[in-house]
Amino acid sequence: MVAHVTVLTGVAVRLAQGVVADLPGGRTLALVDVTADSRCPTDVQCIWAGEANLVFEWTRPGTTQRVPVVVSPTRGSTELPGGVTLRALELTPTPTSGRTLTAADYVVTVVLDPGTASSGALGGVTVGPSCPVQREGVPCPDRPLAATLLFRNAAGVEVARALSDATGFYSVALPPGHYTVVPFTPGGATLPRGAPRDIDVSAGDWVVANVMYDSGIR
């Protein structure tokens, strides 16, 4: 089963197998495969951060091409036919020792830049704790949260808002600068509440800024 999401160039989108990004002009992008993943597991100390090899399918009217992209701390972009730059910003999950990942496990966050590089912020919004009592051996993970985030510049002026989706993912284009991310709690409610955090956005870069809300459950 294939799911389609409509996106614009310059805006971050998350792709997994079975998800196709529909762009203006009849163009589409899909993650086809992850052919190798040598990234350092989170529970291991490595002398090399490693990399992952991804394969995308890029379709324009009348033509479809397979495009390889290498994702590592210093690489993760390629030029697509038609004057578009594909940048892979984040690949999840991160490997752990003893667990074998399949291509269906991966989710990659990408931005398609229309000629000139854009910049902004993206990340996940979660809320927790989600259980009144935490019991040993019983998982109680934080939950994704659909929320509104305010972005204020160095002068304290709100310049943008982002709404996270049902999976907690958000992205917002921002010019280079210093910003405070303010988690918004609507309607005068006190919970859930999140603490503001500062981020710095550089030209041509996307900052991963995850946001945590406190549910108030104790």
N, C-alpha and C. Protein backbone atom coordinates (compact mmCIF):
# COMPACT_ATOMS: atom_id res chain seq x y z
N MET A 1 0.85 -1.19 0.00
CA MET A 1 0.00 0.00 0.00
C MET A 1 0.88 1.24 0.00
N VAL A 2 0.58 2.19 -0.87
CA VAL A 2 1.38 3.40 -1.01
C VAL A 2 0.60 4.59 -0.49
N ALA A 3 1.26 5.39 0.33
CA ALA A 3 0.66 6.63 0.85
C ALA A 3 1.33 7.81 0.18
N HIS A 4 0.54 8.81 -0.21
CA HIS A 4 1.07 10.00 -0.86
C HIS A 4 0.97 11.20 0.08
N VAL A 5 2.04 11.99 0.15
CA VAL A 5 2.03 13.23 0.91
C VAL A 5 2.42 14.36 -0.03
N THR A 6 1.72 15.47 0.06
CA THR A 6 2.00 16.63 -0.79
C THR A 6 2.96 17.56 -0.07
N VAL A 7 4.07 17.90 -0.72
CA VAL A 7 5.07 18.76 -0.11
C VAL A 7 5.50 19.83 -1.09
N LEU A 8 6.15 20.85 -0.58
CA LEU A 8 6.72 21.92 -1.38
C LEU A 8 8.23 21.86 -1.30
N THR A 9 8.89 22.32 -2.34
CA THR A 9 10.34 22.42 -2.28
C THR A 9 10.73 23.40 -1.18
N GLY A 10 11.82 23.08 -0.50
CA GLY A 10 12.29 23.92 0.60
C GLY A 10 11.67 23.59 1.93
N VAL A 11 10.80 22.57 1.99
CA VAL A 11 10.14 22.17 3.23
C VAL A 11 10.52 20.73 3.56
N ALA A 12 10.87 20.46 4.81
CA ALA A 12 11.28 19.12 5.21
C ALA A 12 10.11 18.15 5.19
N VAL A 13 10.39 16.90 4.82
CA VAL A 13 9.37 15.86 4.80
C VAL A 13 10.03 14.55 5.23
N ARG A 14 9.26 13.69 5.90
CA ARG A 14 9.76 12.39 6.31
C ARG A 14 9.25 11.31 5.36
N LEU A 15 10.19 10.44 4.93
CA LEU A 15 9.85 9.38 3.99
C LEU A 15 10.24 8.02 4.56
N ALA A 16 9.39 7.06 4.34
CA ALA A 16 9.67 5.67 4.65
C ALA A 16 9.25 4.86 3.43
N GLN A 17 9.58 3.59 3.42
CA GLN A 17 9.12 2.76 2.32
C GLN A 17 7.59 2.77 2.27
N GLY A 18 7.05 2.95 1.09
CA GLY A 18 5.60 3.00 0.93
C GLY A 18 5.02 4.39 1.01
N VAL A 19 5.89 5.41 1.17
CA VAL A 19 5.44 6.80 1.20
C VAL A 19 6.04 7.53 0.01
N VAL A 20 5.20 8.21 -0.76
CA VAL A 20 5.64 8.96 -1.93
C VAL A 20 5.35 10.43 -1.70
N ALA A 21 6.37 11.27 -1.88
CA ALA A 21 6.20 12.72 -1.77
C ALA A 21 5.83 13.27 -3.14
N ASP A 22 4.70 13.95 -3.21
CA ASP A 22 4.24 14.58 -4.45
C ASP A 22 4.62 16.05 -4.43
N LEU A 23 5.37 16.49 -5.44
CA LEU A 23 5.83 17.86 -5.54
C LEU A 23 5.20 18.55 -6.74
N PRO A 24 5.25 19.89 -6.75
CA PRO A 24 4.69 20.62 -7.89
C PRO A 24 5.34 20.18 -9.20
N GLY A 25 4.58 20.29 -10.28
CA GLY A 25 5.11 19.95 -11.60
C GLY A 25 5.08 18.47 -11.91
N GLY A 26 4.27 17.70 -11.18
CA GLY A 26 4.18 16.28 -11.47
C GLY A 26 5.38 15.47 -11.05
N ARG A 27 6.18 15.98 -10.13
CA ARG A 27 7.38 15.29 -9.67
C ARG A 27 7.07 14.51 -8.40
N THR A 28 7.76 13.38 -8.21
CA THR A 28 7.60 12.59 -7.00
C THR A 28 8.96 12.11 -6.51
N LEU A 29 9.02 11.84 -5.21
CA LEU A 29 10.23 11.30 -4.60
C LEU A 29 9.83 10.21 -3.62
N ALA A 30 10.56 9.09 -3.66
CA ALA A 30 10.27 7.98 -2.76
C ALA A 30 11.57 7.34 -2.30
N LEU A 31 11.58 6.87 -1.06
CA LEU A 31 12.70 6.09 -0.55
C LEU A 31 12.50 4.64 -0.97
N VAL A 32 13.44 4.13 -1.76
CA VAL A 32 13.30 2.78 -2.31
C VAL A 32 13.98 1.74 -1.42
N ASP A 33 15.21 2.05 -0.95
CA ASP A 33 15.96 1.03 -0.23
C ASP A 33 17.06 1.67 0.60
N VAL A 34 17.50 0.97 1.62
CA VAL A 34 18.71 1.29 2.37
C VAL A 34 19.63 0.09 2.17
N THR A 35 20.63 0.26 1.32
CA THR A 35 21.45 -0.88 0.89
C THR A 35 22.57 -1.21 1.86
N ALA A 36 22.94 -0.26 2.73
CA ALA A 36 24.00 -0.51 3.71
C ALA A 36 23.88 0.50 4.83
N ASP A 37 24.25 0.09 6.04
CA ASP A 37 24.21 0.99 7.19
C ASP A 37 25.36 0.62 8.14
N SER A 38 26.43 1.40 8.06
CA SER A 38 27.59 1.16 8.92
C SER A 38 27.71 2.21 10.02
N ARG A 39 26.61 2.95 10.30
CA ARG A 39 26.66 3.96 11.36
C ARG A 39 26.95 3.31 12.71
N CYS A 40 27.65 4.04 13.55
CA CYS A 40 28.06 3.51 14.86
C CYS A 40 26.83 3.28 15.73
N PRO A 41 26.66 2.08 16.29
CA PRO A 41 25.53 1.82 17.19
C PRO A 41 25.58 2.75 18.41
N THR A 42 24.41 3.08 18.93
CA THR A 42 24.32 4.02 20.05
C THR A 42 24.97 3.48 21.32
N ASP A 43 25.06 2.16 21.46
CA ASP A 43 25.63 1.58 22.68
C ASP A 43 27.07 1.10 22.50
N VAL A 44 27.74 1.62 21.45
CA VAL A 44 29.12 1.23 21.16
C VAL A 44 29.95 2.48 20.93
N GLN A 45 31.20 2.47 21.41
CA GLN A 45 32.12 3.56 21.13
C GLN A 45 32.90 3.22 19.86
N CYS A 46 32.84 4.12 18.88
CA CYS A 46 33.47 3.87 17.59
C CYS A 46 34.48 4.98 17.28
N ILE A 47 35.46 4.64 16.48
CA ILE A 47 36.42 5.66 16.04
C ILE A 47 35.96 6.30 14.74
N TRP A 48 34.90 5.75 14.15
CA TRP A 48 34.34 6.29 12.90
C TRP A 48 32.84 6.32 13.03
N ALA A 49 32.22 7.44 12.66
CA ALA A 49 30.78 7.59 12.82
C ALA A 49 29.99 6.71 11.87
N GLY A 50 30.60 6.32 10.76
CA GLY A 50 29.94 5.46 9.80
C GLY A 50 29.01 6.22 8.87
N GLU A 51 28.32 5.48 8.01
CA GLU A 51 27.43 6.08 7.03
C GLU A 51 26.39 5.07 6.58
N ALA A 52 25.36 5.56 5.93
CA ALA A 52 24.32 4.70 5.38
C ALA A 52 24.11 5.04 3.91
N ASN A 53 23.82 4.02 3.12
CA ASN A 53 23.61 4.19 1.69
C ASN A 53 22.12 4.05 1.37
N LEU A 54 21.53 5.13 0.90
CA LEU A 54 20.11 5.17 0.59
C LEU A 54 19.90 5.25 -0.91
N VAL A 55 18.77 4.71 -1.36
CA VAL A 55 18.40 4.80 -2.77
C VAL A 55 17.01 5.42 -2.86
N PHE A 56 16.90 6.52 -3.61
CA PHE A 56 15.63 7.19 -3.82
C PHE A 56 15.18 6.98 -5.27
N GLU A 57 13.89 7.12 -5.48
CA GLU A 57 13.34 7.13 -6.84
C GLU A 57 12.78 8.51 -7.12
N TRP A 58 13.34 9.18 -8.10
CA TRP A 58 12.99 10.55 -8.47
C TRP A 58 12.29 10.52 -9.82
N THR A 59 11.04 10.97 -9.83
CA THR A 59 10.23 10.92 -11.04
C THR A 59 9.85 12.31 -11.49
N ARG A 60 10.08 12.57 -12.76
CA ARG A 60 9.60 13.78 -13.43
C ARG A 60 8.76 13.34 -14.62
N PRO A 61 7.92 14.23 -15.14
CA PRO A 61 7.08 13.83 -16.28
C PRO A 61 7.91 13.19 -17.39
N GLY A 62 7.63 11.92 -17.67
CA GLY A 62 8.30 11.22 -18.75
C GLY A 62 9.56 10.47 -18.36
N THR A 63 10.03 10.57 -17.12
CA THR A 63 11.26 9.89 -16.74
C THR A 63 11.29 9.56 -15.25
N THR A 64 11.88 8.42 -14.93
CA THR A 64 12.07 7.97 -13.55
C THR A 64 13.51 7.51 -13.38
N GLN A 65 14.18 7.96 -12.32
CA GLN A 65 15.57 7.61 -12.10
C GLN A 65 15.80 7.17 -10.66
N ARG A 66 16.72 6.22 -10.48
CA ARG A 66 17.17 5.82 -9.16
C ARG A 66 18.36 6.69 -8.78
N VAL A 67 18.32 7.26 -7.56
CA VAL A 67 19.34 8.21 -7.11
C VAL A 67 19.94 7.73 -5.79
N PRO A 68 21.26 7.42 -5.74
CA PRO A 68 21.87 7.01 -4.48
C PRO A 68 22.31 8.23 -3.67
N VAL A 69 22.19 8.13 -2.35
CA VAL A 69 22.62 9.20 -1.44
C VAL A 69 23.32 8.55 -0.26
N VAL A 70 24.49 9.06 0.09
CA VAL A 70 25.24 8.58 1.25
C VAL A 70 24.98 9.53 2.41
N VAL A 71 24.52 8.99 3.53
CA VAL A 71 24.19 9.80 4.70
C VAL A 71 25.23 9.54 5.79
N SER A 72 25.89 10.59 6.23
CA SER A 72 26.86 10.53 7.32
C SER A 72 26.88 11.90 7.97
N PRO A 73 27.66 12.09 9.07
CA PRO A 73 27.70 13.42 9.70
C PRO A 73 28.16 14.54 8.77
N THR A 74 28.88 14.22 7.71
CA THR A 74 29.41 15.27 6.83
C THR A 74 28.86 15.21 5.42
N ARG A 75 28.11 14.17 5.08
CA ARG A 75 27.56 14.05 3.73
C ARG A 75 26.11 13.64 3.81
N GLY A 76 25.34 14.05 2.82
CA GLY A 76 23.95 13.67 2.80
C GLY A 76 23.15 14.42 1.76
N SER A 77 23.78 14.80 0.66
CA SER A 77 23.07 15.56 -0.36
C SER A 77 23.51 15.13 -1.75
N THR A 78 22.65 15.40 -2.72
CA THR A 78 22.97 15.12 -4.11
C THR A 78 22.13 16.02 -5.00
N GLU A 79 22.61 16.24 -6.21
CA GLU A 79 21.87 17.04 -7.17
C GLU A 79 20.95 16.14 -8.00
N LEU A 80 19.68 16.48 -8.00
CA LEU A 80 18.71 15.74 -8.79
C LEU A 80 18.55 16.38 -10.17
N PRO A 81 18.25 15.61 -11.18
CA PRO A 81 17.95 16.21 -12.48
C PRO A 81 16.81 17.20 -12.37
N GLY A 82 16.98 18.34 -13.02
CA GLY A 82 15.95 19.36 -12.96
C GLY A 82 16.31 20.52 -12.05
N GLY A 83 17.57 20.58 -11.58
CA GLY A 83 18.00 21.73 -10.78
C GLY A 83 17.52 21.73 -9.35
N VAL A 84 17.34 20.53 -8.77
CA VAL A 84 16.89 20.41 -7.38
C VAL A 84 17.94 19.67 -6.58
N THR A 85 18.23 20.18 -5.38
CA THR A 85 19.17 19.52 -4.48
C THR A 85 18.40 18.73 -3.42
N LEU A 86 18.70 17.45 -3.32
CA LEU A 86 18.12 16.61 -2.27
C LEU A 86 19.09 16.55 -1.11
N ARG A 87 18.61 16.93 0.07
CA ARG A 87 19.45 16.85 1.28
C ARG A 87 18.78 15.95 2.30
N ALA A 88 19.48 14.90 2.70
CA ALA A 88 19.01 14.02 3.76
C ALA A 88 19.49 14.59 5.09
N LEU A 89 18.55 14.95 5.97
CA LEU A 89 18.89 15.63 7.21
C LEU A 89 18.99 14.69 8.40
N GLU A 90 18.20 13.63 8.40
CA GLU A 90 18.19 12.73 9.55
C GLU A 90 17.69 11.37 9.11
N LEU A 91 18.37 10.32 9.58
CA LEU A 91 17.97 8.94 9.29
C LEU A 91 17.75 8.22 10.60
N THR A 92 16.55 7.70 10.79
CA THR A 92 16.23 6.95 12.00
C THR A 92 15.67 5.58 11.61
N PRO A 93 15.80 4.58 12.52
CA PRO A 93 16.44 4.66 13.83
C PRO A 93 17.95 4.55 13.73
N THR A 94 18.63 4.93 14.80
CA THR A 94 20.07 4.72 14.88
C THR A 94 20.33 3.27 15.27
N PRO A 95 21.30 2.63 14.66
CA PRO A 95 21.55 1.22 14.98
C PRO A 95 21.91 1.00 16.45
N THR A 96 21.56 -0.16 16.94
CA THR A 96 22.01 -0.63 18.25
C THR A 96 22.57 -2.03 18.06
N SER A 97 23.56 -2.39 18.87
CA SER A 97 24.17 -3.71 18.72
C SER A 97 23.15 -4.80 19.05
N GLY A 98 23.18 -5.87 18.28
CA GLY A 98 22.26 -6.97 18.50
C GLY A 98 20.93 -6.84 17.80
N ARG A 99 20.69 -5.72 17.11
CA ARG A 99 19.44 -5.54 16.39
C ARG A 99 19.72 -5.36 14.91
N THR A 100 19.05 -6.14 14.11
CA THR A 100 19.19 -6.04 12.66
C THR A 100 18.04 -5.23 12.08
N LEU A 101 18.37 -4.15 11.41
CA LEU A 101 17.35 -3.29 10.81
C LEU A 101 17.08 -3.74 9.37
N THR A 102 15.83 -3.67 8.97
CA THR A 102 15.46 -3.92 7.58
C THR A 102 15.13 -2.59 6.91
N ALA A 103 15.04 -2.60 5.61
CA ALA A 103 14.74 -1.37 4.87
C ALA A 103 13.42 -0.76 5.31
N ALA A 104 12.48 -1.60 5.74
CA ALA A 104 11.17 -1.11 6.15
C ALA A 104 11.21 -0.37 7.49
N ASP A 105 12.30 -0.52 8.24
CA ASP A 105 12.41 0.15 9.55
C ASP A 105 12.79 1.62 9.43
N TYR A 106 13.39 2.02 8.32
CA TYR A 106 14.01 3.33 8.23
C TYR A 106 13.01 4.43 7.88
N VAL A 107 13.28 5.60 8.47
CA VAL A 107 12.57 6.84 8.13
C VAL A 107 13.63 7.91 7.90
N VAL A 108 13.58 8.58 6.77
CA VAL A 108 14.56 9.62 6.46
C VAL A 108 13.85 10.96 6.29
N THR A 109 14.44 11.99 6.88
CA THR A 109 13.93 13.34 6.73
C THR A 109 14.74 14.05 5.66
N VAL A 110 14.07 14.57 4.65
CA VAL A 110 14.77 15.21 3.53
C VAL A 110 14.16 16.57 3.24
N VAL A 111 14.98 17.40 2.59
CA VAL A 111 14.54 18.69 2.07
C VAL A 111 14.95 18.74 0.60
N LEU A 112 14.06 19.20 -0.24
CA LEU A 112 14.37 19.43 -1.65
C LEU A 112 14.50 20.92 -1.86
N ASP A 113 15.71 21.36 -2.17
CA ASP A 113 15.99 22.79 -2.31
C ASP A 113 15.88 23.20 -3.77
N PRO A 114 15.08 24.22 -4.05
CA PRO A 114 14.88 24.65 -5.44
C PRO A 114 15.97 25.60 -5.91
N GLY A 115 17.14 25.04 -6.19
CA GLY A 115 18.21 25.87 -6.73
C GLY A 115 19.07 26.50 -5.66
N THR A 116 18.48 27.21 -4.71
CA THR A 116 19.26 27.82 -3.63
C THR A 116 18.86 27.16 -2.32
N ALA A 117 19.84 26.94 -1.45
CA ALA A 117 19.60 26.22 -0.21
C ALA A 117 18.71 27.01 0.73
N SER A 118 17.76 26.34 1.33
CA SER A 118 16.90 26.96 2.33
C SER A 118 17.43 26.62 3.72
N SER A 119 16.77 27.09 4.73
CA SER A 119 17.18 26.81 6.10
C SER A 119 15.94 26.79 6.98
N GLY A 120 16.08 26.19 8.16
CA GLY A 120 14.94 26.13 9.05
C GLY A 120 15.17 25.19 10.21
N ALA A 121 14.08 24.74 10.81
CA ALA A 121 14.13 23.84 11.95
C ALA A 121 13.13 22.71 11.75
N LEU A 122 13.45 21.56 12.31
CA LEU A 122 12.56 20.41 12.25
C LEU A 122 12.81 19.54 13.46
N GLY A 123 11.89 18.63 13.71
CA GLY A 123 12.10 17.73 14.84
C GLY A 123 10.83 17.01 15.22
N GLY A 124 10.89 16.39 16.38
CA GLY A 124 9.76 15.65 16.90
C GLY A 124 9.24 16.29 18.18
N VAL A 125 7.93 16.23 18.38
CA VAL A 125 7.29 16.75 19.59
C VAL A 125 6.68 15.56 20.33
N THR A 126 7.05 15.41 21.60
CA THR A 126 6.54 14.31 22.41
C THR A 126 6.02 14.84 23.74
N VAL A 127 5.21 14.00 24.42
CA VAL A 127 4.69 14.36 25.73
C VAL A 127 4.86 13.15 26.65
N GLY A 128 5.23 13.40 27.89
CA GLY A 128 5.42 12.33 28.86
C GLY A 128 5.55 12.91 30.26
N PRO A 129 5.50 12.12 31.29
CA PRO A 129 5.27 10.67 31.26
C PRO A 129 3.85 10.34 30.79
N SER A 130 3.68 9.11 30.31
CA SER A 130 2.36 8.69 29.82
C SER A 130 1.72 7.65 30.72
N CYS A 131 2.41 7.25 31.79
CA CYS A 131 1.86 6.26 32.73
C CYS A 131 1.91 6.83 34.14
N PRO A 132 0.85 6.64 34.93
CA PRO A 132 0.85 7.14 36.31
C PRO A 132 1.95 6.51 37.16
N VAL A 133 2.23 5.23 36.92
CA VAL A 133 3.25 4.51 37.68
C VAL A 133 4.16 3.78 36.71
N GLN A 134 5.47 4.00 36.83
CA GLN A 134 6.44 3.33 35.98
C GLN A 134 6.85 2.02 36.64
N ARG A 135 6.58 0.88 35.99
CA ARG A 135 6.92 -0.43 36.53
C ARG A 135 8.11 -1.01 35.78
N GLU A 136 8.99 -1.65 36.52
CA GLU A 136 10.17 -2.25 35.91
C GLU A 136 9.76 -3.31 34.90
N GLY A 137 10.34 -3.23 33.72
CA GLY A 137 10.04 -4.20 32.68
C GLY A 137 8.80 -3.90 31.87
N VAL A 138 8.07 -2.82 32.24
CA VAL A 138 6.87 -2.44 31.51
C VAL A 138 7.13 -1.13 30.77
N PRO A 139 7.26 -1.15 29.45
CA PRO A 139 7.59 0.09 28.72
C PRO A 139 6.51 1.15 28.89
N CYS A 140 6.96 2.36 29.02
CA CYS A 140 6.02 3.49 29.11
C CYS A 140 6.64 4.67 28.35
N PRO A 141 6.74 4.56 27.03
CA PRO A 141 7.43 5.60 26.25
C PRO A 141 6.62 6.88 26.17
N ASP A 142 7.33 7.98 25.93
CA ASP A 142 6.64 9.25 25.65
C ASP A 142 5.84 9.10 24.36
N ARG A 143 4.76 9.88 24.25
CA ARG A 143 3.88 9.79 23.09
C ARG A 143 4.10 10.98 22.15
N PRO A 144 3.94 10.77 20.85
CA PRO A 144 3.99 11.92 19.92
C PRO A 144 2.82 12.84 20.20
N LEU A 145 3.03 14.12 19.95
CA LEU A 145 2.01 15.12 20.27
C LEU A 145 1.82 16.08 19.11
N ALA A 146 0.57 16.29 18.74
CA ALA A 146 0.25 17.35 17.77
C ALA A 146 0.14 18.66 18.55
N ALA A 147 1.05 19.58 18.28
CA ALA A 147 1.12 20.81 19.07
C ALA A 147 1.54 21.97 18.18
N THR A 148 1.36 23.18 18.71
CA THR A 148 1.78 24.39 18.02
C THR A 148 3.05 24.92 18.67
N LEU A 149 4.05 25.22 17.86
CA LEU A 149 5.30 25.79 18.34
C LEU A 149 5.45 27.20 17.78
N LEU A 150 5.81 28.13 18.65
CA LEU A 150 6.06 29.51 18.25
C LEU A 150 7.56 29.73 18.11
N PHE A 151 7.95 30.48 17.09
CA PHE A 151 9.36 30.78 16.87
C PHE A 151 9.55 32.29 16.96
N ARG A 152 10.32 32.71 17.96
CA ARG A 152 10.56 34.13 18.19
C ARG A 152 12.02 34.46 17.89
N ASN A 153 12.23 35.61 17.26
CA ASN A 153 13.60 36.01 16.92
C ASN A 153 14.32 36.58 18.14
N ALA A 154 15.53 37.07 17.94
CA ALA A 154 16.33 37.56 19.05
C ALA A 154 15.69 38.75 19.75
N ALA A 155 14.80 39.46 19.06
CA ALA A 155 14.11 40.60 19.66
C ALA A 155 12.83 40.19 20.38
N GLY A 156 12.52 38.89 20.38
CA GLY A 156 11.32 38.41 21.05
C GLY A 156 10.06 38.49 20.22
N VAL A 157 10.21 38.77 18.93
CA VAL A 157 9.05 38.91 18.03
C VAL A 157 8.75 37.56 17.38
N GLU A 158 7.49 37.14 17.41
CA GLU A 158 7.12 35.90 16.76
C GLU A 158 7.21 36.05 15.25
N VAL A 159 7.98 35.17 14.62
CA VAL A 159 8.19 35.25 13.17
C VAL A 159 7.61 34.05 12.43
N ALA A 160 7.29 32.97 13.16
CA ALA A 160 6.75 31.79 12.49
C ALA A 160 6.08 30.89 13.51
N ARG A 161 5.20 30.03 13.00
CA ARG A 161 4.58 28.98 13.80
C ARG A 161 4.69 27.66 13.05
N ALA A 162 4.78 26.58 13.81
CA ALA A 162 4.80 25.25 13.21
C ALA A 162 3.83 24.37 13.96
N LEU A 163 3.11 23.54 13.23
CA LEU A 163 2.16 22.60 13.82
C LEU A 163 2.67 21.19 13.58
N SER A 164 2.95 20.45 14.66
CA SER A 164 3.39 19.08 14.50
C SER A 164 2.20 18.20 14.13
N ASP A 165 2.48 17.14 13.38
CA ASP A 165 1.40 16.26 12.93
C ASP A 165 1.13 15.17 13.95
N ALA A 166 0.32 14.19 13.58
CA ALA A 166 -0.08 13.14 14.52
C ALA A 166 1.09 12.28 14.95
N THR A 167 2.17 12.27 14.17
CA THR A 167 3.36 11.51 14.55
C THR A 167 4.33 12.36 15.36
N GLY A 168 3.98 13.63 15.59
CA GLY A 168 4.85 14.53 16.34
C GLY A 168 5.84 15.29 15.49
N PHE A 169 5.88 15.06 14.18
CA PHE A 169 6.88 15.69 13.33
C PHE A 169 6.45 17.10 12.93
N TYR A 170 7.41 18.01 12.92
CA TYR A 170 7.15 19.37 12.42
C TYR A 170 8.35 19.84 11.61
N SER A 171 8.14 20.80 10.76
CA SER A 171 9.23 21.49 10.06
C SER A 171 8.76 22.90 9.74
N VAL A 172 9.70 23.84 9.76
CA VAL A 172 9.37 25.23 9.47
C VAL A 172 10.60 25.89 8.85
N ALA A 173 10.38 26.61 7.74
CA ALA A 173 11.47 27.33 7.09
C ALA A 173 11.74 28.62 7.85
N LEU A 174 13.01 28.88 8.11
CA LEU A 174 13.42 30.08 8.84
C LEU A 174 14.69 30.65 8.20
N PRO A 175 14.81 31.96 8.10
CA PRO A 175 16.06 32.54 7.64
C PRO A 175 17.13 32.36 8.71
N PRO A 176 18.40 32.47 8.36
CA PRO A 176 19.46 32.33 9.36
C PRO A 176 19.26 33.31 10.51
N GLY A 177 19.55 32.84 11.73
CA GLY A 177 19.41 33.71 12.89
C GLY A 177 19.25 32.91 14.17
N HIS A 178 19.08 33.64 15.28
CA HIS A 178 18.87 33.04 16.60
C HIS A 178 17.39 33.08 16.93
N TYR A 179 16.86 31.96 17.42
CA TYR A 179 15.43 31.86 17.71
C TYR A 179 15.19 31.17 19.04
N THR A 180 14.04 31.49 19.62
CA THR A 180 13.54 30.76 20.78
C THR A 180 12.30 29.99 20.36
N VAL A 181 12.33 28.68 20.59
CA VAL A 181 11.18 27.83 20.28
C VAL A 181 10.30 27.78 21.53
N VAL A 182 9.06 28.24 21.40
CA VAL A 182 8.14 28.31 22.55
C VAL A 182 7.01 27.31 22.34
N PRO A 183 6.96 26.23 23.12
CA PRO A 183 5.84 25.29 23.02
C PRO A 183 4.56 25.96 23.51
N PHE A 184 3.53 25.93 22.70
CA PHE A 184 2.30 26.64 23.00
C PHE A 184 1.29 25.69 23.65
N THR A 185 0.67 26.14 24.74
CA THR A 185 -0.42 25.42 25.37
C THR A 185 -1.68 26.25 25.21
N PRO A 186 -2.64 25.80 24.39
CA PRO A 186 -3.79 26.65 24.04
C PRO A 186 -4.84 26.73 25.14
N GLY A 187 -5.69 27.73 25.01
CA GLY A 187 -6.88 27.82 25.85
C GLY A 187 -6.63 28.14 27.30
N GLY A 188 -5.47 28.68 27.63
CA GLY A 188 -5.18 29.02 29.01
C GLY A 188 -4.91 27.82 29.89
N ALA A 189 -4.79 26.61 29.30
CA ALA A 189 -4.51 25.41 30.08
C ALA A 189 -3.07 25.44 30.60
N THR A 190 -2.83 24.72 31.67
CA THR A 190 -1.48 24.67 32.24
C THR A 190 -0.73 23.41 31.82
N LEU A 191 -1.46 22.39 31.36
CA LEU A 191 -0.85 21.13 30.94
C LEU A 191 -1.47 20.67 29.63
N PRO A 192 -0.70 19.99 28.80
CA PRO A 192 0.73 19.78 28.97
C PRO A 192 1.51 21.06 28.70
N ARG A 193 2.71 21.17 29.24
CA ARG A 193 3.50 22.37 29.05
C ARG A 193 4.92 21.99 28.65
N GLY A 194 5.51 22.87 27.86
CA GLY A 194 6.87 22.63 27.41
C GLY A 194 7.75 23.82 27.72
N ALA A 195 9.03 23.56 27.92
CA ALA A 195 9.99 24.62 28.22
C ALA A 195 10.56 25.21 26.94
N PRO A 196 10.65 26.54 26.82
CA PRO A 196 11.27 27.15 25.64
C PRO A 196 12.71 26.70 25.49
N ARG A 197 13.19 26.67 24.26
CA ARG A 197 14.59 26.35 23.99
C ARG A 197 15.11 27.24 22.88
N ASP A 198 16.40 27.54 22.93
CA ASP A 198 17.02 28.41 21.94
C ASP A 198 17.70 27.57 20.87
N ILE A 199 17.64 28.06 19.64
CA ILE A 199 18.32 27.41 18.53
C ILE A 199 18.99 28.47 17.67
N ASP A 200 20.01 28.06 16.94
CA ASP A 200 20.68 28.93 15.99
C ASP A 200 20.61 28.28 14.61
N VAL A 201 20.07 29.01 13.66
CA VAL A 201 19.90 28.51 12.29
C VAL A 201 20.95 29.17 11.41
N SER A 202 21.72 28.35 10.71
CA SER A 202 22.75 28.86 9.80
C SER A 202 22.24 28.81 8.36
N ALA A 203 22.86 29.59 7.51
CA ALA A 203 22.47 29.64 6.11
C ALA A 203 22.61 28.26 5.47
N GLY A 204 21.57 27.81 4.79
CA GLY A 204 21.62 26.54 4.09
C GLY A 204 21.56 25.33 4.99
N ASP A 205 21.17 25.50 6.25
CA ASP A 205 21.17 24.39 7.20
C ASP A 205 19.82 24.25 7.87
N TRP A 206 19.49 23.03 8.23
CA TRP A 206 18.28 22.73 9.00
C TRP A 206 18.68 22.18 10.35
N VAL A 207 18.17 22.79 11.42
CA VAL A 207 18.49 22.40 12.78
C VAL A 207 17.46 21.39 13.27
N VAL A 208 17.93 20.29 13.84
CA VAL A 208 17.03 19.33 14.47
C VAL A 208 16.79 19.77 15.90
N ALA A 209 15.56 20.19 16.20
CA ALA A 209 15.21 20.71 17.52
C ALA A 209 13.98 19.96 18.02
N ASN A 210 14.21 18.91 18.81
CA ASN A 210 13.11 18.14 19.37
C ASN A 210 12.52 18.89 20.58
N VAL A 211 11.21 18.73 20.79
CA VAL A 211 10.51 19.46 21.84
C VAL A 211 9.77 18.47 22.72
N MET A 212 9.92 18.62 24.04
CA MET A 212 9.28 17.72 25.00
C MET A 212 8.26 18.49 25.83
N TYR A 213 7.04 17.99 25.90
CA TYR A 213 6.02 18.53 26.77
C TYR A 213 5.91 17.67 28.04
N ASP A 214 5.67 18.32 29.17
CA ASP A 214 5.44 17.64 30.42
C ASP A 214 3.93 17.39 30.57
N SER A 215 3.53 16.12 30.70
CA SER A 215 2.12 15.78 30.81
C SER A 215 1.55 16.10 32.20
N GLY A 216 2.43 16.21 33.20
CA GLY A 216 1.97 16.44 34.57
C GLY A 216 1.64 15.15 35.31
N ILE A 217 1.73 14.00 34.63
CA ILE A 217 1.43 12.72 35.28
C ILE A 217 2.60 12.33 36.19
N ARG A 218 2.30 12.01 37.39
CA ARG A 218 3.34 11.61 38.35
C ARG A 218 2.93 10.34 39.08
